[in-house]
Amino acid sequence: MKYQKLKLVFLTHLSRSGSTLLARLLDEYDDICVTTEGEIPLELFGVKSYSPITFYSKDDLELYLNNILGKTRVASWNIPNDQILKLCDQTGFPINGPKLVYILLYAYREIYNPKAKLIIYKACPFMPWHISESKHHFPEALYIHLIRDPRAVYYSQKKSIDPFKGTPFSRSPLKTAMEWKRAIRLISDYPEEKVKIIKYEELVDRPKDLLKKIILFLGVSPSKDHISEIPFSDRMEKVDKNLHREIDLQPDTKKVFVWKDRLLKNEIQIIDHYLNELIASQGYEIHYSREKSSNFQLFSIYINEKKEILYVIISRIFRVTSRLLFRPKYFLIQLKLKMFND
């Protein structure tokens, strides 16, 4: 099938790490098409303990498209269901989740850049910790992981309002540091030929040099002759445009270290004390050494780490309960997928 010739790339990152800027810059290349936020459900990828969902008939798939996929942000891609169903008919049933992911991304490319040789899926909730599971279902895929100074990440999360929750992306420097630590430790285990790790700071300071490295990694042409009828920023939803008001401007290099003046000393200390050598291992400067921390400070971080873990567990319980009450059909499908892994 045609979609099988399409190279697939996953862009992984933590929120507020500069992924939208990178996506906009990469989408300018003739051979590359980057998705806007779509948030394809994880049960299609076969990650996070899900067995990939399988559709055995056109009716099964149409039911899923109307009742589940159509209620996600994939709807903002404006791909007609008829087009998806036609591609699936040509492929033949049964169709599993990963195959449907390929078809969705192929359909997206056909609308926004049909000449592109690869498509980059840029969307949460696909995170660095999903890579190891996804490699089984997407063996030919490549991955780009974007990292940023964890204190800058927290500053951006703290001052930015999540448009869907109406609250800051993070109010806890420790929570942000814990996620950053998890991502760095996992991403370092993957082979370089499959996973390209890049820094936001380099993207801002030396964008041309960094983009050359990425293009070489992806194995596509550096040509930018084709001008898309619908640029990346115009394809973004209104809530995303409001969140990234300067997306079409050149990034301001002076803002890279603005966190130094805007974060509280205690917030920087928490991140530095918790991450310590891990910050230095990624080439970032430690401002407050762990060796100079008092026993009280270290004990406080330890206690708060346990509290954050407990909060995550409670939040998950709340989400599951909410799904059971307000989206029972979706919840039962997810539960079935988790209970009956292949």
C-alpha atoms as a PDB file:
ATOM      1  CA  MET A   1       0.000   0.000   0.000  1.00  0.00           C
ATOM      2  CA  LYS A   2       1.045   3.612  -0.600  1.00  0.00           C
ATOM      3  CA  TYR A   3       1.142   4.519   3.084  1.00  0.00           C
ATOM      4  CA  GLN A   4       3.774   1.819   3.726  1.00  0.00           C
ATOM      5  CA  LYS A   5       6.324   3.870   1.751  1.00  0.00           C
ATOM      6  CA  LEU A   6       5.892   6.839   4.073  1.00  0.00           C
ATOM      7  CA  LYS A   7       8.724   7.238   6.588  1.00  0.00           C
ATOM      8  CA  LEU A   8       7.475   7.842  10.119  1.00  0.00           C
ATOM      9  CA  VAL A   9       9.211   9.955  12.749  1.00  0.00           C
ATOM     10  CA  PHE A  10       8.085  10.581  16.324  1.00  0.00           C
ATOM     11  CA  LEU A  11       8.978  13.865  18.023  1.00  0.00           C
ATOM     12  CA  THR A  12       9.116  13.346  21.781  1.00  0.00           C
ATOM     13  CA  HIS A  13       9.500  16.041  24.414  1.00  0.00           C
ATOM     14  CA  LEU A  14       8.249  17.390  27.707  1.00  0.00           C
ATOM     15  CA  SER A  15       5.685  20.190  27.567  1.00  0.00           C
ATOM     16  CA  ARG A  16       7.111  23.681  27.044  1.00  0.00           C
ATOM     17  CA  SER A  17      10.434  22.427  25.683  1.00  0.00           C
ATOM     18  CA  GLY A  18      10.241  24.202  22.318  1.00  0.00           C
ATOM     19  CA  SER A  19       8.747  21.383  20.251  1.00  0.00           C
ATOM     20  CA  THR A  20       6.315  23.643  18.388  1.00  0.00           C
ATOM     21  CA  LEU A  21       9.161  25.872  17.212  1.00  0.00           C
ATOM     22  CA  LEU A  22      11.084  22.820  16.005  1.00  0.00           C
ATOM     23  CA  ALA A  23       7.973  21.466  14.304  1.00  0.00           C
ATOM     24  CA  ARG A  24       7.380  24.722  12.446  1.00  0.00           C
ATOM     25  CA  LEU A  25      11.002  24.873  11.238  1.00  0.00           C
ATOM     26  CA  LEU A  26      11.079  21.256  10.059  1.00  0.00           C
ATOM     27  CA  ASP A  27       7.729  21.585   8.294  1.00  0.00           C
ATOM     28  CA  GLU A  28       9.296  24.170   5.965  1.00  0.00           C
ATOM     29  CA  TYR A  29      11.325  21.462   4.204  1.00  0.00           C
ATOM     30  CA  ASP A  30       9.874  19.984   1.021  1.00  0.00           C
ATOM     31  CA  ASP A  31      10.339  16.375   2.113  1.00  0.00           C
ATOM     32  CA  ILE A  32       8.867  16.811   5.595  1.00  0.00           C
ATOM     33  CA  CYS A  33       5.312  17.124   6.849  1.00  0.00           C
ATOM     34  CA  VAL A  34       4.793  17.692  10.583  1.00  0.00           C
ATOM     35  CA  THR A  35       1.470  17.169  12.299  1.00  0.00           C
ATOM     36  CA  THR A  36      -0.102  19.727  14.552  1.00  0.00           C
ATOM     37  CA  GLU A  37      -1.377  18.518  17.942  1.00  0.00           C
ATOM     38  CA  GLY A  38      -3.684  15.579  17.325  1.00  0.00           C
ATOM     39  CA  GLU A  39      -3.266  13.317  20.340  1.00  0.00           C
ATOM     40  CA  ILE A  40      -4.054   9.999  18.712  1.00  0.00           C
ATOM     41  CA  PRO A  41      -5.288   7.652  21.493  1.00  0.00           C
ATOM     42  CA  LEU A  42      -2.537   5.490  22.969  1.00  0.00           C
ATOM     43  CA  GLU A  43      -4.436   2.251  22.382  1.00  0.00           C
ATOM     44  CA  LEU A  44      -3.709   2.655  18.666  1.00  0.00           C
ATOM     45  CA  PHE A  45       0.043   2.768  19.288  1.00  0.00           C
ATOM     46  CA  GLY A  46       0.116  -0.246  21.581  1.00  0.00           C
ATOM     47  CA  VAL A  47       1.965   1.595  24.351  1.00  0.00           C
ATOM     48  CA  LYS A  48       1.311   2.183  28.044  1.00  0.00           C
ATOM     49  CA  SER A  49       0.285  -1.451  28.628  1.00  0.00           C
ATOM     50  CA  TYR A  50      -2.252  -1.385  25.801  1.00  0.00           C
ATOM     51  CA  SER A  51      -2.554  -4.190  23.318  1.00  0.00           C
ATOM     52  CA  PRO A  52      -3.124  -2.485  19.939  1.00  0.00           C
ATOM     53  CA  ILE A  53      -6.811  -2.351  19.152  1.00  0.00           C
ATOM     54  CA  THR A  54      -7.887  -4.322  16.069  1.00  0.00           C
ATOM     55  CA  PHE A  55     -10.770  -3.496  13.736  1.00  0.00           C
ATOM     56  CA  TYR A  56     -12.266  -6.511  12.011  1.00  0.00           C
ATOM     57  CA  SER A  57     -14.752  -4.726   9.791  1.00  0.00           C
ATOM     58  CA  LYS A  58     -15.618  -1.370   8.287  1.00  0.00           C
ATOM     59  CA  ASP A  59     -18.497  -1.039  10.755  1.00  0.00           C
ATOM     60  CA  ASP A  60     -16.149  -1.532  13.727  1.00  0.00           C
ATOM     61  CA  LEU A  61     -13.824   1.150  12.429  1.00  0.00           C
ATOM     62  CA  GLU A  62     -16.604   3.599  11.592  1.00  0.00           C
ATOM     63  CA  LEU A  63     -17.966   3.226  15.118  1.00  0.00           C
ATOM     64  CA  TYR A  64     -14.527   4.020  16.538  1.00  0.00           C
ATOM     65  CA  LEU A  65     -14.021   7.010  14.247  1.00  0.00           C
ATOM     66  CA  ASN A  66     -17.378   8.525  15.187  1.00  0.00           C
ATOM     67  CA  ASN A  67     -17.497   7.788  18.910  1.00  0.00           C
ATOM     68  CA  ILE A  68     -13.865   7.993  20.003  1.00  0.00           C
ATOM     69  CA  LEU A  69     -11.361   9.324  17.477  1.00  0.00           C
ATOM     70  CA  GLY A  70     -13.747  12.042  16.337  1.00  0.00           C
ATOM     71  CA  LYS A  71     -13.887  13.384  19.898  1.00  0.00           C
ATOM     72  CA  THR A  72     -10.118  13.795  20.177  1.00  0.00           C
ATOM     73  CA  ARG A  73      -7.946  16.550  18.743  1.00  0.00           C
ATOM     74  CA  VAL A  74      -7.458  14.432  15.630  1.00  0.00           C
ATOM     75  CA  ALA A  75     -10.693  16.087  14.474  1.00  0.00           C
ATOM     76  CA  SER A  76      -8.737  19.341  14.047  1.00  0.00           C
ATOM     77  CA  TRP A  77      -6.756  17.705  11.228  1.00  0.00           C
ATOM     78  CA  ASN A  78      -9.935  17.847   9.115  1.00  0.00           C
ATOM     79  CA  ILE A  79      -9.451  14.416   7.570  1.00  0.00           C
ATOM     80  CA  PRO A  80     -12.816  13.187   6.224  1.00  0.00           C
ATOM     81  CA  ASN A  81     -13.890   9.822   7.638  1.00  0.00           C
ATOM     82  CA  ASP A  82     -14.659   8.708   4.097  1.00  0.00           C
ATOM     83  CA  GLN A  83     -11.009   9.161   3.177  1.00  0.00           C
ATOM     84  CA  ILE A  84      -9.844   7.082   6.153  1.00  0.00           C
ATOM     85  CA  LEU A  85     -12.392   4.342   5.427  1.00  0.00           C
ATOM     86  CA  LYS A  86     -11.399   4.267   1.753  1.00  0.00           C
ATOM     87  CA  LEU A  87      -7.718   3.796   2.622  1.00  0.00           C
ATOM     88  CA  CYS A  88      -8.638   1.045   5.070  1.00  0.00           C
ATOM     89  CA  ASP A  89     -10.794  -0.686   2.462  1.00  0.00           C
ATOM     90  CA  GLN A  90      -7.847  -0.625   0.057  1.00  0.00           C
ATOM     91  CA  THR A  91      -5.612  -2.099   2.762  1.00  0.00           C
ATOM     92  CA  GLY A  92      -8.099  -4.757   3.802  1.00  0.00           C
ATOM     93  CA  PHE A  93      -9.431  -5.802   7.185  1.00  0.00           C
ATOM     94  CA  PRO A  94      -8.535  -6.645   9.896  1.00  0.00           C
ATOM     95  CA  ILE A  95      -6.622  -3.446  10.636  1.00  0.00           C
ATOM     96  CA  ASN A  96      -4.726  -3.034  13.889  1.00  0.00           C
ATOM     97  CA  GLY A  97      -3.930   0.187  15.728  1.00  0.00           C
ATOM     98  CA  PRO A  98      -0.402   0.817  14.383  1.00  0.00           C
ATOM     99  CA  LYS A  99      -1.633   0.292  10.821  1.00  0.00           C
ATOM    100  CA  LEU A 100      -4.416   2.810  11.423  1.00  0.00           C
ATOM    101  CA  VAL A 101      -1.834   5.274  12.785  1.00  0.00           C
ATOM    102  CA  TYR A 102       0.092   4.965   9.513  1.00  0.00           C
ATOM    103  CA  ILE A 103      -3.119   5.486   7.536  1.00  0.00           C
ATOM    104  CA  LEU A 104      -4.099   8.568   9.573  1.00  0.00           C
ATOM    105  CA  LEU A 105      -0.681  10.132   9.111  1.00  0.00           C
ATOM    106  CA  TYR A 106      -0.661   9.279   5.408  1.00  0.00           C
ATOM    107  CA  ALA A 107      -4.061  10.953   5.027  1.00  0.00           C
ATOM    108  CA  TYR A 108      -2.768  14.014   6.894  1.00  0.00           C
ATOM    109  CA  ARG A 109       0.197  14.266   4.550  1.00  0.00           C
ATOM    110  CA  GLU A 110      -2.032  13.910   1.490  1.00  0.00           C
ATOM    111  CA  ILE A 111      -3.956  17.001   2.595  1.00  0.00           C
ATOM    112  CA  TYR A 112      -1.121  19.284   3.722  1.00  0.00           C
ATOM    113  CA  ASN A 113       2.018  18.216   1.851  1.00  0.00           C
ATOM    114  CA  PRO A 114       1.449  15.286  -0.547  1.00  0.00           C
ATOM    115  CA  LYS A 115       5.029  15.470  -1.869  1.00  0.00           C
ATOM    116  CA  ALA A 116       6.597  14.883   1.557  1.00  0.00           C
ATOM    117  CA  LYS A 117       8.651  11.703   1.940  1.00  0.00           C
ATOM    118  CA  LEU A 118       8.276  11.492   5.694  1.00  0.00           C
ATOM    119  CA  ILE A 119       5.866  12.639   8.334  1.00  0.00           C
ATOM    120  CA  ILE A 120       6.702  13.679  11.871  1.00  0.00           C
ATOM    121  CA  TYR A 121       4.100  12.974  14.524  1.00  0.00           C
ATOM    122  CA  LYS A 122       4.347  15.796  17.034  1.00  0.00           C
ATOM    123  CA  ALA A 123       1.783  15.423  19.751  1.00  0.00           C
ATOM    124  CA  CYS A 124       1.292  14.565  23.357  1.00  0.00           C
ATOM    125  CA  PRO A 125       0.664  12.179  24.968  1.00  0.00           C
ATOM    126  CA  PHE A 126       3.431  10.321  23.090  1.00  0.00           C
ATOM    127  CA  MET A 127       6.360  10.688  25.474  1.00  0.00           C
ATOM    128  CA  PRO A 128       9.999   9.509  25.640  1.00  0.00           C
ATOM    129  CA  TRP A 129       8.987   6.601  27.862  1.00  0.00           C
ATOM    130  CA  HIS A 130       6.768   5.212  25.122  1.00  0.00           C
ATOM    131  CA  ILE A 131       9.654   4.676  22.696  1.00  0.00           C
ATOM    132  CA  SER A 132      10.706   1.229  23.903  1.00  0.00           C
ATOM    133  CA  GLU A 133       7.142  -0.123  23.557  1.00  0.00           C
ATOM    134  CA  SER A 134       6.433   1.569  20.237  1.00  0.00           C
ATOM    135  CA  LYS A 135       9.560   0.165  18.565  1.00  0.00           C
ATOM    136  CA  HIS A 136       7.872  -3.247  18.494  1.00  0.00           C
ATOM    137  CA  HIS A 137       4.937  -1.912  16.472  1.00  0.00           C
ATOM    138  CA  PHE A 138       6.870   0.702  14.438  1.00  0.00           C
ATOM    139  CA  PRO A 139      10.234  -0.992  13.790  1.00  0.00           C
ATOM    140  CA  GLU A 140      11.248   1.341  10.960  1.00  0.00           C
ATOM    141  CA  ALA A 141      10.361   4.584  12.760  1.00  0.00           C
ATOM    142  CA  LEU A 142      12.893   7.209  13.805  1.00  0.00           C
ATOM    143  CA  TYR A 143      12.688   9.405  16.903  1.00  0.00           C
ATOM    144  CA  ILE A 144      13.721  12.960  17.687  1.00  0.00           C
ATOM    145  CA  HIS A 145      13.865  13.903  21.349  1.00  0.00           C
ATOM    146  CA  LEU A 146      14.069  17.566  22.282  1.00  0.00           C
ATOM    147  CA  ILE A 147      15.574  18.528  25.635  1.00  0.00           C
ATOM    148  CA  ARG A 148      15.788  21.897  27.332  1.00  0.00           C
ATOM    149  CA  ASP A 149      17.343  23.164  30.562  1.00  0.00           C
ATOM    150  CA  PRO A 150      14.970  21.794  33.240  1.00  0.00           C
ATOM    151  CA  ARG A 151      14.804  25.151  35.023  1.00  0.00           C
ATOM    152  CA  ALA A 152      13.770  26.844  31.779  1.00  0.00           C
ATOM    153  CA  VAL A 153      11.204  24.087  31.222  1.00  0.00           C
ATOM    154  CA  TYR A 154       9.736  24.663  34.662  1.00  0.00           C
ATOM    155  CA  TYR A 155       9.694  28.443  34.224  1.00  0.00           C
ATOM    156  CA  SER A 156       7.771  28.094  30.965  1.00  0.00           C
ATOM    157  CA  GLN A 157       5.395  25.533  32.488  1.00  0.00           C
ATOM    158  CA  LYS A 158       4.834  27.764  35.517  1.00  0.00           C
ATOM    159  CA  LYS A 159       3.954  30.892  33.536  1.00  0.00           C
ATOM    160  CA  SER A 160       1.953  29.171  30.773  1.00  0.00           C
ATOM    161  CA  ILE A 161      -1.686  28.218  31.186  1.00  0.00           C
ATOM    162  CA  ASP A 162      -2.848  24.860  29.897  1.00  0.00           C
ATOM    163  CA  PRO A 163      -5.776  25.879  27.629  1.00  0.00           C
ATOM    164  CA  PHE A 164      -7.704  22.697  28.420  1.00  0.00           C
ATOM    165  CA  LYS A 165      -7.287  22.727  32.193  1.00  0.00           C
ATOM    166  CA  GLY A 166      -7.138  26.480  32.817  1.00  0.00           C
ATOM    167  CA  THR A 167      -4.190  26.007  35.183  1.00  0.00           C
ATOM    168  CA  PRO A 168      -0.385  26.329  34.788  1.00  0.00           C
ATOM    169  CA  PHE A 169       1.313  23.356  33.154  1.00  0.00           C
ATOM    170  CA  SER A 170       3.192  22.916  36.421  1.00  0.00           C
ATOM    171  CA  ARG A 171       3.193  24.462  39.866  1.00  0.00           C
ATOM    172  CA  SER A 172       5.862  22.138  41.212  1.00  0.00           C
ATOM    173  CA  PRO A 173       9.557  22.430  40.306  1.00  0.00           C
ATOM    174  CA  LEU A 174      10.085  18.954  41.748  1.00  0.00           C
ATOM    175  CA  LYS A 175       7.401  17.387  39.527  1.00  0.00           C
ATOM    176  CA  THR A 176       8.993  18.939  36.445  1.00  0.00           C
ATOM    177  CA  ALA A 177      12.435  17.759  37.578  1.00  0.00           C
ATOM    178  CA  MET A 178      11.129  14.222  38.125  1.00  0.00           C
ATOM    179  CA  GLU A 179       9.709  14.059  34.587  1.00  0.00           C
ATOM    180  CA  TRP A 180      12.905  15.543  33.138  1.00  0.00           C
ATOM    181  CA  LYS A 181      15.005  12.946  34.983  1.00  0.00           C
ATOM    182  CA  ARG A 182      12.835  10.087  33.757  1.00  0.00           C
ATOM    183  CA  ALA A 183      13.059  11.279  30.153  1.00  0.00           C
ATOM    184  CA  ILE A 184      16.836  11.797  30.181  1.00  0.00           C
ATOM    185  CA  ARG A 185      17.579   8.418  31.753  1.00  0.00           C
ATOM    186  CA  LEU A 186      15.376   6.545  29.316  1.00  0.00           C
ATOM    187  CA  ILE A 187      16.400   8.389  26.176  1.00  0.00           C
ATOM    188  CA  SER A 188      20.111   7.788  26.792  1.00  0.00           C
ATOM    189  CA  ASP A 189      19.593   4.017  26.396  1.00  0.00           C
ATOM    190  CA  TYR A 190      18.475   4.176  22.770  1.00  0.00           C
ATOM    191  CA  PRO A 191      20.830   3.790  19.758  1.00  0.00           C
ATOM    192  CA  GLU A 192      21.885   7.016  18.033  1.00  0.00           C
ATOM    193  CA  GLU A 193      20.920   5.740  14.591  1.00  0.00           C
ATOM    194  CA  LYS A 194      17.294   5.519  15.745  1.00  0.00           C
ATOM    195  CA  VAL A 195      16.982   8.370  18.243  1.00  0.00           C
ATOM    196  CA  LYS A 196      18.354  11.877  17.695  1.00  0.00           C
ATOM    197  CA  ILE A 197      18.703  13.951  20.863  1.00  0.00           C
ATOM    198  CA  ILE A 198      18.779  17.702  20.311  1.00  0.00           C
ATOM    199  CA  LYS A 199      18.844  20.750  22.565  1.00  0.00           C
ATOM    200  CA  TYR A 200      16.426  23.651  22.486  1.00  0.00           C
ATOM    201  CA  GLU A 201      19.250  26.067  23.308  1.00  0.00           C
ATOM    202  CA  GLU A 202      21.150  24.999  20.204  1.00  0.00           C
ATOM    203  CA  LEU A 203      17.973  25.341  18.146  1.00  0.00           C
ATOM    204  CA  VAL A 204      17.741  28.976  19.263  1.00  0.00           C
ATOM    205  CA  ASP A 205      21.442  29.861  19.091  1.00  0.00           C
ATOM    206  CA  ARG A 206      22.477  27.954  15.947  1.00  0.00           C
ATOM    207  CA  PRO A 207      19.301  26.879  14.146  1.00  0.00           C
ATOM    208  CA  LYS A 208      20.894  26.371  10.726  1.00  0.00           C
ATOM    209  CA  ASP A 209      23.625  24.077  12.047  1.00  0.00           C
ATOM    210  CA  LEU A 210      21.195  22.039  14.139  1.00  0.00           C
ATOM    211  CA  LEU A 211      18.637  21.692  11.354  1.00  0.00           C
ATOM    212  CA  LYS A 212      21.387  20.418   9.029  1.00  0.00           C
ATOM    213  CA  LYS A 213      22.156  17.675  11.562  1.00  0.00           C
ATOM    214  CA  ILE A 214      18.486  16.725  11.801  1.00  0.00           C
ATOM    215  CA  ILE A 215      18.045  16.644   8.007  1.00  0.00           C
ATOM    216  CA  LEU A 216      21.103  14.392   7.748  1.00  0.00           C
ATOM    217  CA  PHE A 217      19.678  12.121  10.457  1.00  0.00           C
ATOM    218  CA  LEU A 218      16.335  11.915   8.643  1.00  0.00           C
ATOM    219  CA  GLY A 219      17.976  11.277   5.274  1.00  0.00           C
ATOM    220  CA  VAL A 220      15.912  13.796   3.302  1.00  0.00           C
ATOM    221  CA  SER A 221      16.646  16.727   1.023  1.00  0.00           C
ATOM    222  CA  PRO A 222      17.422  20.165   2.524  1.00  0.00           C
ATOM    223  CA  SER A 223      15.346  21.753  -0.236  1.00  0.00           C
ATOM    224  CA  LYS A 224      12.737  24.387   0.644  1.00  0.00           C
ATOM    225  CA  ASP A 225      11.452  25.151  -2.840  1.00  0.00           C
ATOM    226  CA  HIS A 226       7.866  24.116  -2.189  1.00  0.00           C
ATOM    227  CA  ILE A 227       5.684  26.641  -0.386  1.00  0.00           C
ATOM    228  CA  SER A 228       2.810  24.998   1.446  1.00  0.00           C
ATOM    229  CA  GLU A 229      -0.648  26.415   0.797  1.00  0.00           C
ATOM    230  CA  ILE A 230      -1.395  25.972   4.490  1.00  0.00           C
ATOM    231  CA  PRO A 231       1.710  26.762   6.626  1.00  0.00           C
ATOM    232  CA  PHE A 232       2.194  24.917   9.894  1.00  0.00           C
ATOM    233  CA  SER A 233       1.057  27.809  12.089  1.00  0.00           C
ATOM    234  CA  ASP A 234      -2.152  28.195  10.053  1.00  0.00           C
ATOM    235  CA  ARG A 235      -2.969  24.526  10.662  1.00  0.00           C
ATOM    236  CA  MET A 236      -2.727  24.954  14.428  1.00  0.00           C
ATOM    237  CA  GLU A 237      -5.884  25.143  16.501  1.00  0.00           C
ATOM    238  CA  LYS A 238      -6.796  28.499  18.007  1.00  0.00           C
ATOM    239  CA  VAL A 239      -5.892  27.370  21.542  1.00  0.00           C
ATOM    240  CA  ASP A 240      -2.417  26.386  20.337  1.00  0.00           C
ATOM    241  CA  LYS A 241      -1.957  29.647  18.458  1.00  0.00           C
ATOM    242  CA  ASN A 242      -2.822  31.571  21.617  1.00  0.00           C
ATOM    243  CA  LEU A 243      -0.259  29.540  23.534  1.00  0.00           C
ATOM    244  CA  HIS A 244       2.421  30.082  20.881  1.00  0.00           C
ATOM    245  CA  ARG A 245       1.779  33.668  19.821  1.00  0.00           C
ATOM    246  CA  GLU A 246       5.373  34.179  18.610  1.00  0.00           C
ATOM    247  CA  ILE A 247       5.610  30.912  16.693  1.00  0.00           C
ATOM    248  CA  ASP A 248       6.308  32.608  13.340  1.00  0.00           C
ATOM    249  CA  LEU A 249       8.966  34.952  14.764  1.00  0.00           C
ATOM    250  CA  GLN A 250      12.672  34.318  15.120  1.00  0.00           C
ATOM    251  CA  PRO A 251      13.321  33.036  18.661  1.00  0.00           C
ATOM    252  CA  ASP A 252      14.842  35.594  21.014  1.00  0.00           C
ATOM    253  CA  THR A 253      18.202  34.305  22.265  1.00  0.00           C
ATOM    254  CA  LYS A 254      17.960  36.614  25.281  1.00  0.00           C
ATOM    255  CA  LYS A 255      14.985  34.654  26.586  1.00  0.00           C
ATOM    256  CA  VAL A 256      16.924  31.405  26.876  1.00  0.00           C
ATOM    257  CA  PHE A 257      18.194  32.306  30.350  1.00  0.00           C
ATOM    258  CA  VAL A 258      15.329  34.510  31.530  1.00  0.00           C
ATOM    259  CA  TRP A 259      14.473  31.848  34.122  1.00  0.00           C
ATOM    260  CA  LYS A 260      17.543  32.900  36.122  1.00  0.00           C
ATOM    261  CA  ASP A 261      15.873  36.210  37.001  1.00  0.00           C
ATOM    262  CA  ARG A 262      12.253  35.045  37.103  1.00  0.00           C
ATOM    263  CA  LEU A 263      12.356  31.861  39.180  1.00  0.00           C
ATOM    264  CA  LEU A 264      12.576  31.945  42.948  1.00  0.00           C
ATOM    265  CA  LYS A 265      15.880  30.891  44.470  1.00  0.00           C
ATOM    266  CA  ASN A 266      14.142  28.044  46.261  1.00  0.00           C
ATOM    267  CA  GLU A 267      12.661  26.742  42.986  1.00  0.00           C
ATOM    268  CA  ILE A 268      16.084  26.649  41.312  1.00  0.00           C
ATOM    269  CA  GLN A 269      17.581  24.970  44.373  1.00  0.00           C
ATOM    270  CA  ILE A 270      14.966  22.210  44.346  1.00  0.00           C
ATOM    271  CA  ILE A 271      15.649  21.371  40.696  1.00  0.00           C
ATOM    272  CA  ASP A 272      19.427  21.604  41.116  1.00  0.00           C
ATOM    273  CA  HIS A 273      19.470  19.505  44.276  1.00  0.00           C
ATOM    274  CA  TYR A 274      17.220  16.826  42.825  1.00  0.00           C
ATOM    275  CA  LEU A 275      18.852  16.504  39.397  1.00  0.00           C
ATOM    276  CA  ASN A 276      22.401  17.576  40.285  1.00  0.00           C
ATOM    277  CA  GLU A 277      24.914  15.573  38.173  1.00  0.00           C
ATOM    278  CA  LEU A 278      22.215  14.836  35.597  1.00  0.00           C
ATOM    279  CA  ILE A 279      22.031  18.547  34.765  1.00  0.00           C
ATOM    280  CA  ALA A 280      25.794  18.698  34.302  1.00  0.00           C
ATOM    281  CA  SER A 281      25.784  15.532  32.174  1.00  0.00           C
ATOM    282  CA  GLN A 282      23.631  17.367  29.606  1.00  0.00           C
ATOM    283  CA  GLY A 283      25.937  20.377  29.516  1.00  0.00           C
ATOM    284  CA  TYR A 284      23.930  22.679  31.781  1.00  0.00           C
ATOM    285  CA  GLU A 285      25.411  24.621  34.666  1.00  0.00           C
ATOM    286  CA  ILE A 286      24.557  23.650  38.242  1.00  0.00           C
ATOM    287  CA  HIS A 287      23.860  26.739  40.343  1.00  0.00           C
ATOM    288  CA  TYR A 288      23.353  25.041  43.681  1.00  0.00           C
ATOM    289  CA  SER A 289      25.502  21.975  44.308  1.00  0.00           C
ATOM    290  CA  ARG A 290      23.969  19.036  46.141  1.00  0.00           C
ATOM    291  CA  GLU A 291      27.108  18.765  48.260  1.00  0.00           C
ATOM    292  CA  LYS A 292      26.355  22.177  49.720  1.00  0.00           C
ATOM    293  CA  SER A 293      22.755  21.274  50.561  1.00  0.00           C
ATOM    294  CA  SER A 294      21.753  20.881  54.165  1.00  0.00           C
ATOM    295  CA  ASN A 295      20.372  17.593  55.428  1.00  0.00           C
ATOM    296  CA  PHE A 296      17.067  19.354  56.019  1.00  0.00           C
ATOM    297  CA  GLN A 297      16.873  20.462  52.357  1.00  0.00           C
ATOM    298  CA  LEU A 298      17.636  16.956  51.086  1.00  0.00           C
ATOM    299  CA  PHE A 299      15.140  15.366  53.448  1.00  0.00           C
ATOM    300  CA  SER A 300      12.494  17.883  52.393  1.00  0.00           C
ATOM    301  CA  ILE A 301      13.050  17.009  48.717  1.00  0.00           C
ATOM    302  CA  TYR A 302      12.801  13.302  49.542  1.00  0.00           C
ATOM    303  CA  ILE A 303       9.470  13.788  51.366  1.00  0.00           C
ATOM    304  CA  ASN A 304       8.086  15.990  48.592  1.00  0.00           C
ATOM    305  CA  GLU A 305       9.125  13.443  45.965  1.00  0.00           C
ATOM    306  CA  LYS A 306       6.995  10.831  47.736  1.00  0.00           C
ATOM    307  CA  LYS A 307       4.128  13.329  47.897  1.00  0.00           C
ATOM    308  CA  GLU A 308       4.396  13.967  44.142  1.00  0.00           C
ATOM    309  CA  ILE A 309       4.255  10.226  43.452  1.00  0.00           C
ATOM    310  CA  LEU A 310       1.191   9.930  45.666  1.00  0.00           C
ATOM    311  CA  TYR A 311      -0.410  12.888  43.884  1.00  0.00           C
ATOM    312  CA  VAL A 312       0.199  11.206  40.495  1.00  0.00           C
ATOM    313  CA  ILE A 313      -1.490   8.018  41.746  1.00  0.00           C
ATOM    314  CA  ILE A 314      -4.486   9.984  43.063  1.00  0.00           C
ATOM    315  CA  SER A 315      -4.730  11.919  39.780  1.00  0.00           C
ATOM    316  CA  ARG A 316      -4.786   8.685  37.801  1.00  0.00           C
ATOM    317  CA  ILE A 317      -7.526   7.292  40.006  1.00  0.00           C
ATOM    318  CA  PHE A 318      -9.517  10.489  39.451  1.00  0.00           C
ATOM    319  CA  ARG A 319      -9.057  10.269  35.663  1.00  0.00           C
ATOM    320  CA  VAL A 320     -10.149   6.636  35.600  1.00  0.00           C
ATOM    321  CA  THR A 321     -13.205   7.441  37.726  1.00  0.00           C
ATOM    322  CA  SER A 322     -14.103  10.377  35.472  1.00  0.00           C
ATOM    323  CA  ARG A 323     -13.857   8.211  32.365  1.00  0.00           C
ATOM    324  CA  LEU A 324     -15.998   5.535  33.962  1.00  0.00           C
ATOM    325  CA  LEU A 325     -18.693   8.090  34.870  1.00  0.00           C
ATOM    326  CA  PHE A 326     -18.653  10.356  31.820  1.00  0.00           C
ATOM    327  CA  ARG A 327     -17.189   8.185  29.016  1.00  0.00           C
ATOM    328  CA  PRO A 328     -18.078   4.614  30.021  1.00  0.00           C
ATOM    329  CA  LYS A 329     -17.873   3.202  26.497  1.00  0.00           C
ATOM    330  CA  TYR A 330     -14.359   4.545  25.944  1.00  0.00           C
ATOM    331  CA  PHE A 331     -13.320   3.388  29.420  1.00  0.00           C
ATOM    332  CA  LEU A 332     -14.537  -0.172  28.802  1.00  0.00           C
ATOM    333  CA  ILE A 333     -12.669  -0.331  25.485  1.00  0.00           C
ATOM    334  CA  GLN A 334      -9.447   0.811  27.193  1.00  0.00           C
ATOM    335  CA  LEU A 335      -9.962  -1.618  30.067  1.00  0.00           C
ATOM    336  CA  LYS A 336     -10.463  -4.490  27.645  1.00  0.00           C
ATOM    337  CA  LEU A 337      -7.283  -3.576  25.794  1.00  0.00           C
ATOM    338  CA  LYS A 338      -5.268  -3.503  29.021  1.00  0.00           C
ATOM    339  CA  MET A 339      -6.655  -6.807  30.292  1.00  0.00           C
ATOM    340  CA  PHE A 340      -6.194  -8.792  27.076  1.00  0.00           C
ATOM    341  CA  ASN A 341      -2.700  -8.035  25.826  1.00  0.00           C
ATOM    342  CA  ASP A 342      -1.398 -10.031  22.893  1.00  0.00           C
END
